Amino acid sequence: MEDNQTVLHPPPSNNKGENSRKQSKVFAFDHCFWSMDESNMPKYAGQEVVFQCLGEGILENAFQGYNACIFAYGQTGLDP
Protein backbone atom coordinates (compact mmCIF):
# COMPACT_ATOMS: atom_id res chain seq x y z
CA MET A 1 0.00 0.00 0.00
CA GLU A 2 1.38 3.36 -1.02
CA ASP A 3 -0.96 6.30 -0.39
CA ASN A 4 -4.03 5.64 -2.58
CA GLN A 5 -2.34 2.88 -4.56
CA THR A 6 -2.02 -0.85 -4.12
CA VAL A 7 1.15 -2.27 -5.67
CA LEU A 8 1.41 -5.97 -6.46
CA HIS A 9 4.90 -7.33 -7.07
CA PRO A 10 5.40 -10.60 -8.98
CA PRO A 11 6.70 -13.54 -6.97
CA PRO A 12 10.37 -14.44 -7.43
CA SER A 13 11.02 -16.92 -10.19
CA ASN A 14 13.52 -19.76 -10.38
CA ASN A 15 13.73 -19.49 -14.18
CA LYS A 16 16.23 -16.99 -15.57
CA GLY A 17 14.64 -14.34 -17.75
CA GLU A 18 11.06 -15.16 -16.73
CA ASN A 19 10.94 -12.61 -13.91
CA SER A 20 12.34 -9.85 -16.15
CA ARG A 21 9.12 -9.93 -18.21
CA LYS A 22 6.88 -9.64 -15.18
CA GLN A 23 6.43 -6.15 -13.84
CA SER A 24 4.73 -4.81 -10.74
CA LYS A 25 1.07 -3.91 -11.16
CA VAL A 26 -0.23 -0.64 -9.69
CA PHE A 27 -3.91 -0.09 -8.91
CA ALA A 28 -5.16 3.36 -7.88
CA PHE A 29 -8.26 3.94 -5.75
CA ASP A 30 -9.87 6.87 -3.95
CA HIS A 31 -8.68 5.33 -0.68
CA CYS A 32 -6.50 2.37 0.24
CA PHE A 33 -6.27 1.01 3.78
CA TRP A 34 -3.65 -1.38 5.15
CA SER A 35 -5.28 -3.83 7.56
CA MET A 36 -3.09 -6.89 7.24
CA ASP A 37 -0.77 -6.45 10.20
CA GLU A 38 -1.77 -4.38 13.22
CA SER A 39 1.86 -4.16 14.36
CA ASN A 40 2.72 -2.24 11.15
CA MET A 41 1.97 1.21 12.56
CA PRO A 42 1.36 3.92 11.42
CA LYS A 43 0.39 2.22 8.15
CA TYR A 44 -2.29 0.04 9.78
CA ALA A 45 -5.88 1.27 9.46
CA GLY A 46 -8.51 -0.29 11.69
CA GLN A 47 -12.28 0.03 11.36
CA GLU A 48 -12.31 3.34 13.25
CA VAL A 49 -9.90 4.94 10.75
CA VAL A 50 -11.93 3.67 7.80
CA PHE A 51 -15.18 4.91 9.35
CA GLN A 52 -13.71 8.36 10.05
CA CYS A 53 -12.42 8.62 6.50
CA LEU A 54 -15.49 7.29 4.67
CA GLY A 55 -18.40 6.42 6.91
CA GLU A 56 -19.01 9.68 8.74
CA GLY A 57 -19.69 11.69 5.56
CA ILE A 58 -21.83 8.98 4.00
CA LEU A 59 -23.81 8.50 7.21
CA GLU A 60 -24.39 12.26 7.52
CA ASN A 61 -25.65 12.40 3.93
CA ALA A 62 -27.93 9.41 4.57
CA PHE A 63 -29.45 11.26 7.56
CA GLN A 64 -30.13 14.17 5.20
CA GLY A 65 -32.07 11.89 2.88
CA TYR A 66 -29.47 11.12 0.22
CA ASN A 67 -28.89 7.59 -1.02
CA ALA A 68 -25.62 6.15 0.22
CA CYS A 69 -23.50 3.11 -0.57
CA ILE A 70 -20.07 1.91 0.51
CA PHE A 71 -18.38 -0.80 -1.53
CA ALA A 72 -15.67 -2.66 0.37
CA TYR A 73 -13.45 -5.19 -1.34
CA GLY A 74 -11.27 -7.50 0.69
CA GLN A 75 -11.03 -8.28 4.34
CA THR A 76 -13.64 -6.45 6.43
CA GLY A 77 -14.94 -6.57 9.98
CA LEU A 78 -12.13 -8.45 11.69
CA ASP A 79 -10.96 -5.89 14.25
CA PRO A 80 -11.28 -7.11 17.85
PDB file of N, CA and C in Angstrom:
ATOM      1  N   MET A   1       0.850  -1.166   0.000  1.00  0.00           N
ATOM      2  CA  MET A   1       0.000   0.000   0.000  1.00  0.00           C
ATOM      3  C   MET A   1       0.898   1.232   0.000  1.00  0.00           C
ATOM      4  N   GLU A   2       0.639   2.108  -0.929  1.00  0.00           N
ATOM      5  CA  GLU A   2       1.375   3.359  -1.024  1.00  0.00           C
ATOM      6  C   GLU A   2       0.362   4.463  -1.311  1.00  0.00           C
ATOM      7  N   ASP A   3       0.045   5.248  -0.286  1.00  0.00           N
ATOM      8  CA  ASP A   3      -0.963   6.304  -0.389  1.00  0.00           C
ATOM      9  C   ASP A   3      -2.283   5.713  -0.897  1.00  0.00           C
ATOM     10  N   ASN A   4      -2.762   6.168  -2.061  1.00  0.00           N
ATOM     11  CA  ASN A   4      -4.029   5.643  -2.578  1.00  0.00           C
ATOM     12  C   ASN A   4      -3.804   4.570  -3.637  1.00  0.00           C
ATOM     13  N   GLN A   5      -2.642   3.922  -3.589  1.00  0.00           N
ATOM     14  CA  GLN A   5      -2.338   2.881  -4.562  1.00  0.00           C
ATOM     15  C   GLN A   5      -2.020   1.561  -3.871  1.00  0.00           C
ATOM     16  N   THR A   6      -2.401   0.489  -4.543  1.00  0.00           N
ATOM     17  CA  THR A   6      -2.019  -0.850  -4.120  1.00  0.00           C
ATOM     18  C   THR A   6      -1.066  -1.381  -5.178  1.00  0.00           C
ATOM     19  N   VAL A   7       0.121  -1.787  -4.745  1.00  0.00           N
ATOM     20  CA  VAL A   7       1.147  -2.267  -5.671  1.00  0.00           C
ATOM     21  C   VAL A   7       1.335  -3.761  -5.450  1.00  0.00           C
ATOM     22  N   LEU A   8       1.199  -4.536  -6.519  1.00  0.00           N
ATOM     23  CA  LEU A   8       1.411  -5.972  -6.459  1.00  0.00           C
ATOM     24  C   LEU A   8       2.707  -6.304  -7.197  1.00  0.00           C
ATOM     25  N   HIS A   9       3.617  -6.953  -6.485  1.00  0.00           N
ATOM     26  CA  HIS A   9       4.898  -7.335  -7.067  1.00  0.00           C
ATOM     27  C   HIS A   9       4.848  -8.810  -7.443  1.00  0.00           C
ATOM     28  N   PRO A  10       5.422  -9.184  -8.590  1.00  0.00           N
ATOM     29  CA  PRO A  10       5.396 -10.600  -8.984  1.00  0.00           C
ATOM     30  C   PRO A  10       6.254 -11.433  -8.037  1.00  0.00           C
ATOM     31  N   PRO A  11       5.887 -12.675  -7.836  1.00  0.00           N
ATOM     32  CA  PRO A  11       6.697 -13.540  -6.969  1.00  0.00           C
ATOM     33  C   PRO A  11       8.043 -13.826  -7.627  1.00  0.00           C
ATOM     34  N   PRO A  12       9.063 -14.102  -6.825  1.00  0.00           N
ATOM     35  CA  PRO A  12      10.367 -14.438  -7.426  1.00  0.00           C
ATOM     36  C   PRO A  12      10.264 -15.715  -8.245  1.00  0.00           C
ATOM     37  N   SER A  13      11.049 -15.775  -9.301  1.00  0.00           N
ATOM     38  CA  SER A  13      11.016 -16.922 -10.189  1.00  0.00           C
ATOM     39  C   SER A  13      12.353 -17.640 -10.152  1.00  0.00           C
ATOM     40  N   ASN A  14      12.313 -18.959 -10.316  1.00  0.00           N
ATOM     41  CA  ASN A  14      13.524 -19.759 -10.378  1.00  0.00           C
ATOM     42  C   ASN A  14      14.106 -19.773 -11.790  1.00  0.00           C
ATOM     43  N   ASN A  15      13.281 -19.467 -12.788  1.00  0.00           N
ATOM     44  CA  ASN A  15      13.730 -19.490 -14.185  1.00  0.00           C
ATOM     45  C   ASN A  15      14.371 -18.163 -14.542  1.00  0.00           C
ATOM     46  N   LYS A  16      15.558 -18.219 -15.148  1.00  0.00           N
ATOM     47  CA  LYS A  16      16.225 -16.986 -15.575  1.00  0.00           C
ATOM     48  C   LYS A  16      15.445 -16.364 -16.720  1.00  0.00           C
ATOM     49  N   GLY A  17      15.314 -15.061 -16.683  1.00  0.00           N
ATOM     50  CA  GLY A  17      14.635 -14.337 -17.749  1.00  0.00           C
ATOM     51  C   GLY A  17      13.134 -14.248 -17.590  1.00  0.00           C
ATOM     52  N   GLU A  18      12.521 -15.179 -16.884  1.00  0.00           N
ATOM     53  CA  GLU A  18      11.062 -15.161 -16.730  1.00  0.00           C
ATOM     54  C   GLU A  18      10.620 -13.963 -15.895  1.00  0.00           C
ATOM     55  N   ASN A  19      11.327 -13.689 -14.813  1.00  0.00           N
ATOM     56  CA  ASN A  19      10.942 -12.607 -13.915  1.00  0.00           C
ATOM     57  C   ASN A  19      11.160 -11.242 -14.555  1.00  0.00           C
ATOM     58  N   SER A  20      12.072 -11.142 -15.524  1.00  0.00           N
ATOM     59  CA  SER A  20      12.336  -9.853 -16.153  1.00  0.00           C
ATOM     60  C   SER A  20      11.138  -9.380 -16.984  1.00  0.00           C
ATOM     61  N   ARG A  21      10.290 -10.308 -17.432  1.00  0.00           N
ATOM     62  CA  ARG A  21       9.117  -9.935 -18.213  1.00  0.00           C
ATOM     63  C   ARG A  21       7.945  -9.525 -17.325  1.00  0.00           C
ATOM     64  N   LYS A  22       7.971  -9.951 -16.093  1.00  0.00           N
ATOM     65  CA  LYS A  22       6.877  -9.636 -15.179  1.00  0.00           C
ATOM     66  C   LYS A  22       7.191  -8.326 -14.463  1.00  0.00           C
ATOM     67  N   GLN A  23       6.248  -7.431 -14.501  1.00  0.00           N
ATOM     68  CA  GLN A  23       6.426  -6.146 -13.839  1.00  0.00           C
ATOM     69  C   GLN A  23       5.396  -5.995 -12.727  1.00  0.00           C
ATOM     70  N   SER A  24       5.685  -5.110 -11.812  1.00  0.00           N
ATOM     71  CA  SER A  24       4.733  -4.811 -10.744  1.00  0.00           C
ATOM     72  C   SER A  24       3.478  -4.194 -11.339  1.00  0.00           C
ATOM     73  N   LYS A  25       2.354  -4.474 -10.730  1.00  0.00           N
ATOM     74  CA  LYS A  25       1.073  -3.909 -11.161  1.00  0.00           C
ATOM     75  C   LYS A  25       0.631  -2.883 -10.123  1.00  0.00           C
ATOM     76  N   VAL A  26       0.190  -1.722 -10.577  1.00  0.00           N
ATOM     77  CA  VAL A  26      -0.227  -0.644  -9.695  1.00  0.00           C
ATOM     78  C   VAL A  26      -1.711  -0.375  -9.933  1.00  0.00           C
ATOM     79  N   PHE A  27      -2.486  -0.366  -8.858  1.00  0.00           N
ATOM     80  CA  PHE A  27      -3.913  -0.086  -8.911  1.00  0.00           C
ATOM     81  C   PHE A  27      -4.191   1.143  -8.051  1.00  0.00           C
ATOM     82  N   ALA A  28      -4.862   2.126  -8.605  1.00  0.00           N
ATOM     83  CA  ALA A  28      -5.160   3.362  -7.878  1.00  0.00           C
ATOM     84  C   ALA A  28      -6.642   3.399  -7.491  1.00  0.00           C
ATOM     85  N   PHE A  29      -6.906   3.854  -6.287  1.00  0.00           N
ATOM     86  CA  PHE A  29      -8.259   3.943  -5.746  1.00  0.00           C
ATOM     87  C   PHE A  29      -8.431   5.303  -5.061  1.00  0.00           C
ATOM     88  N   ASP A  30      -9.647   5.647  -4.726  1.00  0.00           N
ATOM     89  CA  ASP A  30      -9.873   6.869  -3.946  1.00  0.00           C
ATOM     90  C   ASP A  30      -9.201   6.761  -2.586  1.00  0.00           C
ATOM     91  N   HIS A  31      -9.290   5.583  -1.978  1.00  0.00           N
ATOM     92  CA  HIS A  31      -8.675   5.331  -0.677  1.00  0.00           C
ATOM     93  C   HIS A  31      -8.160   3.903  -0.652  1.00  0.00           C
ATOM     94  N   CYS A  32      -7.038   3.702   0.000  1.00  0.00           N
ATOM     95  CA  CYS A  32      -6.500   2.370   0.242  1.00  0.00           C
ATOM     96  C   CYS A  32      -6.152   2.283   1.725  1.00  0.00           C
ATOM     97  N   PHE A  33      -6.521   1.183   2.348  1.00  0.00           N
ATOM     98  CA  PHE A  33      -6.272   1.012   3.778  1.00  0.00           C
ATOM     99  C   PHE A  33      -5.510  -0.277   4.020  1.00  0.00           C
ATOM    100  N   TRP A  34      -4.447  -0.207   4.785  1.00  0.00           N
ATOM    101  CA  TRP A  34      -3.646  -1.379   5.150  1.00  0.00           C
ATOM    102  C   TRP A  34      -4.228  -1.960   6.426  1.00  0.00           C
ATOM    103  N   SER A  35      -4.695  -3.209   6.372  1.00  0.00           N
ATOM    104  CA  SER A  35      -5.278  -3.830   7.565  1.00  0.00           C
ATOM    105  C   SER A  35      -4.732  -5.237   7.783  1.00  0.00           C
ATOM    106  N   MET A  36      -3.605  -5.540   7.166  1.00  0.00           N
ATOM    107  CA  MET A  36      -3.088  -6.893   7.237  1.00  0.00           C
ATOM    108  C   MET A  36      -2.345  -7.180   8.542  1.00  0.00           C
ATOM    109  N   ASP A  37      -1.600  -6.208   9.033  1.00  0.00           N
ATOM    110  CA  ASP A  37      -0.766  -6.452  10.202  1.00  0.00           C
ATOM    111  C   ASP A  37      -0.864  -5.263  11.150  1.00  0.00           C
ATOM    112  N   GLU A  38      -1.535  -5.458  12.269  1.00  0.00           N
ATOM    113  CA  GLU A  38      -1.766  -4.376  13.219  1.00  0.00           C
ATOM    114  C   GLU A  38      -0.468  -3.824  13.791  1.00  0.00           C
ATOM    115  N   SER A  39       0.586  -4.631  13.809  1.00  0.00           N
ATOM    116  CA  SER A  39       1.864  -4.161  14.355  1.00  0.00           C
ATOM    117  C   SER A  39       2.590  -3.238  13.374  1.00  0.00           C
ATOM    118  N   ASN A  40       2.089  -3.099  12.155  1.00  0.00           N
ATOM    119  CA  ASN A  40       2.718  -2.241  11.154  1.00  0.00           C
ATOM    120  C   ASN A  40       2.143  -0.829  11.252  1.00  0.00           C
ATOM    121  N   MET A  41       2.429  -0.168  12.355  1.00  0.00           N
ATOM    122  CA  MET A  41       1.969   1.209  12.563  1.00  0.00           C
ATOM    123  C   MET A  41       2.987   2.148  11.939  1.00  0.00           C
ATOM    124  N   PRO A  42       2.682   3.283  11.460  1.00  0.00           N
ATOM    125  CA  PRO A  42       1.365   3.918  11.420  1.00  0.00           C
ATOM    126  C   PRO A  42       0.567   3.554  10.173  1.00  0.00           C
ATOM    127  N   LYS A  43       1.054   2.606   9.398  1.00  0.00           N
ATOM    128  CA  LYS A  43       0.390   2.224   8.154  1.00  0.00           C
ATOM    129  C   LYS A  43      -0.955   1.535   8.393  1.00  0.00           C
ATOM    130  N   TYR A  44      -1.090   0.831   9.498  1.00  0.00           N
ATOM    131  CA  TYR A  44      -2.288   0.040   9.781  1.00  0.00           C
ATOM    132  C   TYR A  44      -3.515   0.940   9.946  1.00  0.00           C
ATOM    133  N   ALA A  45      -4.620   0.534   9.342  1.00  0.00           N
ATOM    134  CA  ALA A  45      -5.878   1.275   9.459  1.00  0.00           C
ATOM    135  C   ALA A  45      -6.963   0.321   9.932  1.00  0.00           C
ATOM    136  N   GLY A  46      -7.427   0.516  11.153  1.00  0.00           N
ATOM    137  CA  GLY A  46      -8.512  -0.292  11.689  1.00  0.00           C
ATOM    138  C   GLY A  46      -9.861   0.246  11.246  1.00  0.00           C
ATOM    139  N   GLN A  47     -10.918  -0.369  11.752  1.00  0.00           N
ATOM    140  CA  GLN A  47     -12.276   0.030  11.362  1.00  0.00           C
ATOM    141  C   GLN A  47     -12.569   1.476  11.716  1.00  0.00           C
ATOM    142  N   GLU A  48     -12.039   1.956  12.839  1.00  0.00           N
ATOM    143  CA  GLU A  48     -12.308   3.339  13.248  1.00  0.00           C
ATOM    144  C   GLU A  48     -11.731   4.329  12.234  1.00  0.00           C
ATOM    145  N   VAL A  49     -10.524   4.065  11.750  1.00  0.00           N
ATOM    146  CA  VAL A  49      -9.898   4.942  10.752  1.00  0.00           C
ATOM    147  C   VAL A  49     -10.711   4.946   9.458  1.00  0.00           C
ATOM    148  N   VAL A  50     -11.137   3.773   9.023  1.00  0.00           N
ATOM    149  CA  VAL A  50     -11.935   3.667   7.799  1.00  0.00           C
ATOM    150  C   VAL A  50     -13.264   4.398   7.970  1.00  0.00           C
ATOM    151  N   PHE A  51     -13.906   4.227   9.116  1.00  0.00           N
ATOM    152  CA  PHE A  51     -15.183   4.910   9.355  1.00  0.00           C
ATOM    153  C   PHE A  51     -15.006   6.418   9.359  1.00  0.00           C
ATOM    154  N   GLN A  52     -13.942   6.908  10.015  1.00  0.00           N
ATOM    155  CA  GLN A  52     -13.707   8.355  10.054  1.00  0.00           C
ATOM    156  C   GLN A  52     -13.452   8.912   8.659  1.00  0.00           C
ATOM    157  N   CYS A  53     -12.760   8.156   7.841  1.00  0.00           N
ATOM    158  CA  CYS A  53     -12.423   8.622   6.499  1.00  0.00           C
ATOM    159  C   CYS A  53     -13.616   8.560   5.544  1.00  0.00           C
ATOM    160  N   LEU A  54     -14.416   7.506   5.638  1.00  0.00           N
ATOM    161  CA  LEU A  54     -15.495   7.291   4.674  1.00  0.00           C
ATOM    162  C   LEU A  54     -16.888   7.336   5.269  1.00  0.00           C
ATOM    163  N   GLY A  55     -17.063   6.649   6.378  1.00  0.00           N
ATOM    164  CA  GLY A  55     -18.400   6.416   6.910  1.00  0.00           C
ATOM    165  C   GLY A  55     -19.099   7.637   7.454  1.00  0.00           C
ATOM    166  N   GLU A  56     -18.360   8.520   8.122  1.00  0.00           N
ATOM    167  CA  GLU A  56     -19.012   9.679   8.745  1.00  0.00           C
ATOM    168  C   GLU A  56     -19.732  10.542   7.711  1.00  0.00           C
ATOM    169  N   GLY A  57     -19.071  10.856   6.599  1.00  0.00           N
ATOM    170  CA  GLY A  57     -19.691  11.688   5.561  1.00  0.00           C
ATOM    171  C   GLY A  57     -20.876  11.001   4.903  1.00  0.00           C
ATOM    172  N   ILE A  58     -20.733   9.723   4.637  1.00  0.00           N
ATOM    173  CA  ILE A  58     -21.827   8.976   3.998  1.00  0.00           C
ATOM    174  C   ILE A  58     -23.017   8.863   4.951  1.00  0.00           C
ATOM    175  N   LEU A  59     -22.737   8.596   6.220  1.00  0.00           N
ATOM    176  CA  LEU A  59     -23.814   8.500   7.209  1.00  0.00           C
ATOM    177  C   LEU A  59     -24.529   9.844   7.367  1.00  0.00           C
ATOM    178  N   GLU A  60     -23.778  10.937   7.414  1.00  0.00           N
ATOM    179  CA  GLU A  60     -24.391  12.261   7.518  1.00  0.00           C
ATOM    180  C   GLU A  60     -25.283  12.542   6.313  1.00  0.00           C
ATOM    181  N   ASN A  61     -24.820  12.209   5.124  1.00  0.00           N
ATOM    182  CA  ASN A  61     -25.649  12.404   3.928  1.00  0.00           C
ATOM    183  C   ASN A  61     -26.888  11.514   3.948  1.00  0.00           C
ATOM    184  N   ALA A  62     -26.769  10.301   4.454  1.00  0.00           N
ATOM    185  CA  ALA A  62     -27.931   9.413   4.565  1.00  0.00           C
ATOM    186  C   ALA A  62     -28.971  10.009   5.513  1.00  0.00           C
ATOM    187  N   PHE A  63     -28.516  10.612   6.619  1.00  0.00           N
ATOM    188  CA  PHE A  63     -29.446  11.256   7.556  1.00  0.00           C
ATOM    189  C   PHE A  63     -30.153  12.441   6.908  1.00  0.00           C
ATOM    190  N   GLN A  64     -29.521  13.040   5.901  1.00  0.00           N
ATOM    191  CA  GLN A  64     -30.132  14.174   5.204  1.00  0.00           C
ATOM    192  C   GLN A  64     -31.031  13.720   4.052  1.00  0.00           C
ATOM    193  N   GLY A  65     -31.154  12.409   3.871  1.00  0.00           N
ATOM    194  CA  GLY A  65     -32.074  11.886   2.878  1.00  0.00           C
ATOM    195  C   GLY A  65     -31.449  11.457   1.569  1.00  0.00           C
ATOM    196  N   TYR A  66     -30.136  11.544   1.460  1.00  0.00           N
ATOM    197  CA  TYR A  66     -29.469  11.116   0.223  1.00  0.00           C
ATOM    198  C   TYR A  66     -29.223   9.615   0.251  1.00  0.00           C
ATOM    199  N   ASN A  67     -29.258   8.993  -0.923  1.00  0.00           N
ATOM    200  CA  ASN A  67     -28.892   7.587  -1.022  1.00  0.00           C
ATOM    201  C   ASN A  67     -27.404   7.446  -0.746  1.00  0.00           C
ATOM    202  N   ALA A  68     -27.018   6.354  -0.124  1.00  0.00           N
ATOM    203  CA  ALA A  68     -25.615   6.152   0.222  1.00  0.00           C
ATOM    204  C   ALA A  68     -25.239   4.685   0.028  1.00  0.00           C
ATOM    205  N   CYS A  69     -23.999   4.461  -0.385  1.00  0.00           N
ATOM    206  CA  CYS A  69     -23.504   3.106  -0.569  1.00  0.00           C
ATOM    207  C   CYS A  69     -21.994   3.101  -0.376  1.00  0.00           C
ATOM    208  N   ILE A  70     -21.508   2.121   0.370  1.00  0.00           N
ATOM    209  CA  ILE A  70     -20.066   1.906   0.508  1.00  0.00           C
ATOM    210  C   ILE A  70     -19.770   0.532  -0.060  1.00  0.00           C
ATOM    211  N   PHE A  71     -18.818   0.467  -0.970  1.00  0.00           N
ATOM    212  CA  PHE A  71     -18.380  -0.799  -1.526  1.00  0.00           C
ATOM    213  C   PHE A  71     -17.022  -1.128  -0.929  1.00  0.00           C
ATOM    214  N   ALA A  72     -16.937  -2.235  -0.245  1.00  0.00           N
ATOM    215  CA  ALA A  72     -15.670  -2.658   0.367  1.00  0.00           C
ATOM    216  C   ALA A  72     -15.235  -3.957  -0.278  1.00  0.00           C
ATOM    217  N   TYR A  73     -13.999  -3.986  -0.713  1.00  0.00           N
ATOM    218  CA  TYR A  73     -13.452  -5.189  -1.336  1.00  0.00           C
ATOM    219  C   TYR A  73     -12.313  -5.692  -0.468  1.00  0.00           C
ATOM    220  N   GLY A  74     -12.352  -6.926  -0.110  1.00  0.00           N
ATOM    221  CA  GLY A  74     -11.273  -7.499   0.692  1.00  0.00           C
ATOM    222  C   GLY A  74     -11.736  -7.785   2.092  1.00  0.00           C
ATOM    223  N   GLN A  75     -10.782  -7.919   2.952  1.00  0.00           N
ATOM    224  CA  GLN A  75     -11.028  -8.281   4.340  1.00  0.00           C
ATOM    225  C   GLN A  75     -11.764  -7.149   5.068  1.00  0.00           C
ATOM    226  N   THR A  76     -12.878  -7.451   5.690  1.00  0.00           N
ATOM    227  CA  THR A  76     -13.637  -6.446   6.430  1.00  0.00           C
ATOM    228  C   THR A  76     -14.129  -7.045   7.746  1.00  0.00           C
ATOM    229  N   GLY A  77     -14.277  -6.204   8.739  1.00  0.00           N
ATOM    230  CA  GLY A  77     -14.935  -6.574   9.976  1.00  0.00           C
ATOM    231  C   GLY A  77     -14.190  -7.529  10.884  1.00  0.00           C
ATOM    232  N   LEU A  78     -12.855  -7.517  10.866  1.00  0.00           N
ATOM    233  CA  LEU A  78     -12.133  -8.452  11.687  1.00  0.00           C
ATOM    234  C   LEU A  78     -11.414  -7.822  12.868  1.00  0.00           C
ATOM    235  N   ASP A  79     -11.597  -6.526  13.094  1.00  0.00           N
ATOM    236  CA  ASP A  79     -10.958  -5.892  14.250  1.00  0.00           C
ATOM    237  C   ASP A  79     -11.565  -6.445  15.540  1.00  0.00           C
ATOM    238  N   PRO A  80     -10.737  -6.611  16.562  1.00  0.00           N
ATOM    239  CA  PRO A  80     -11.281  -7.106  17.850  1.00  0.00           C
ATOM    240  C   PRO A  80     -12.179  -6.083  18.508  1.00  0.00           C
TER     241      PRO A  80
END
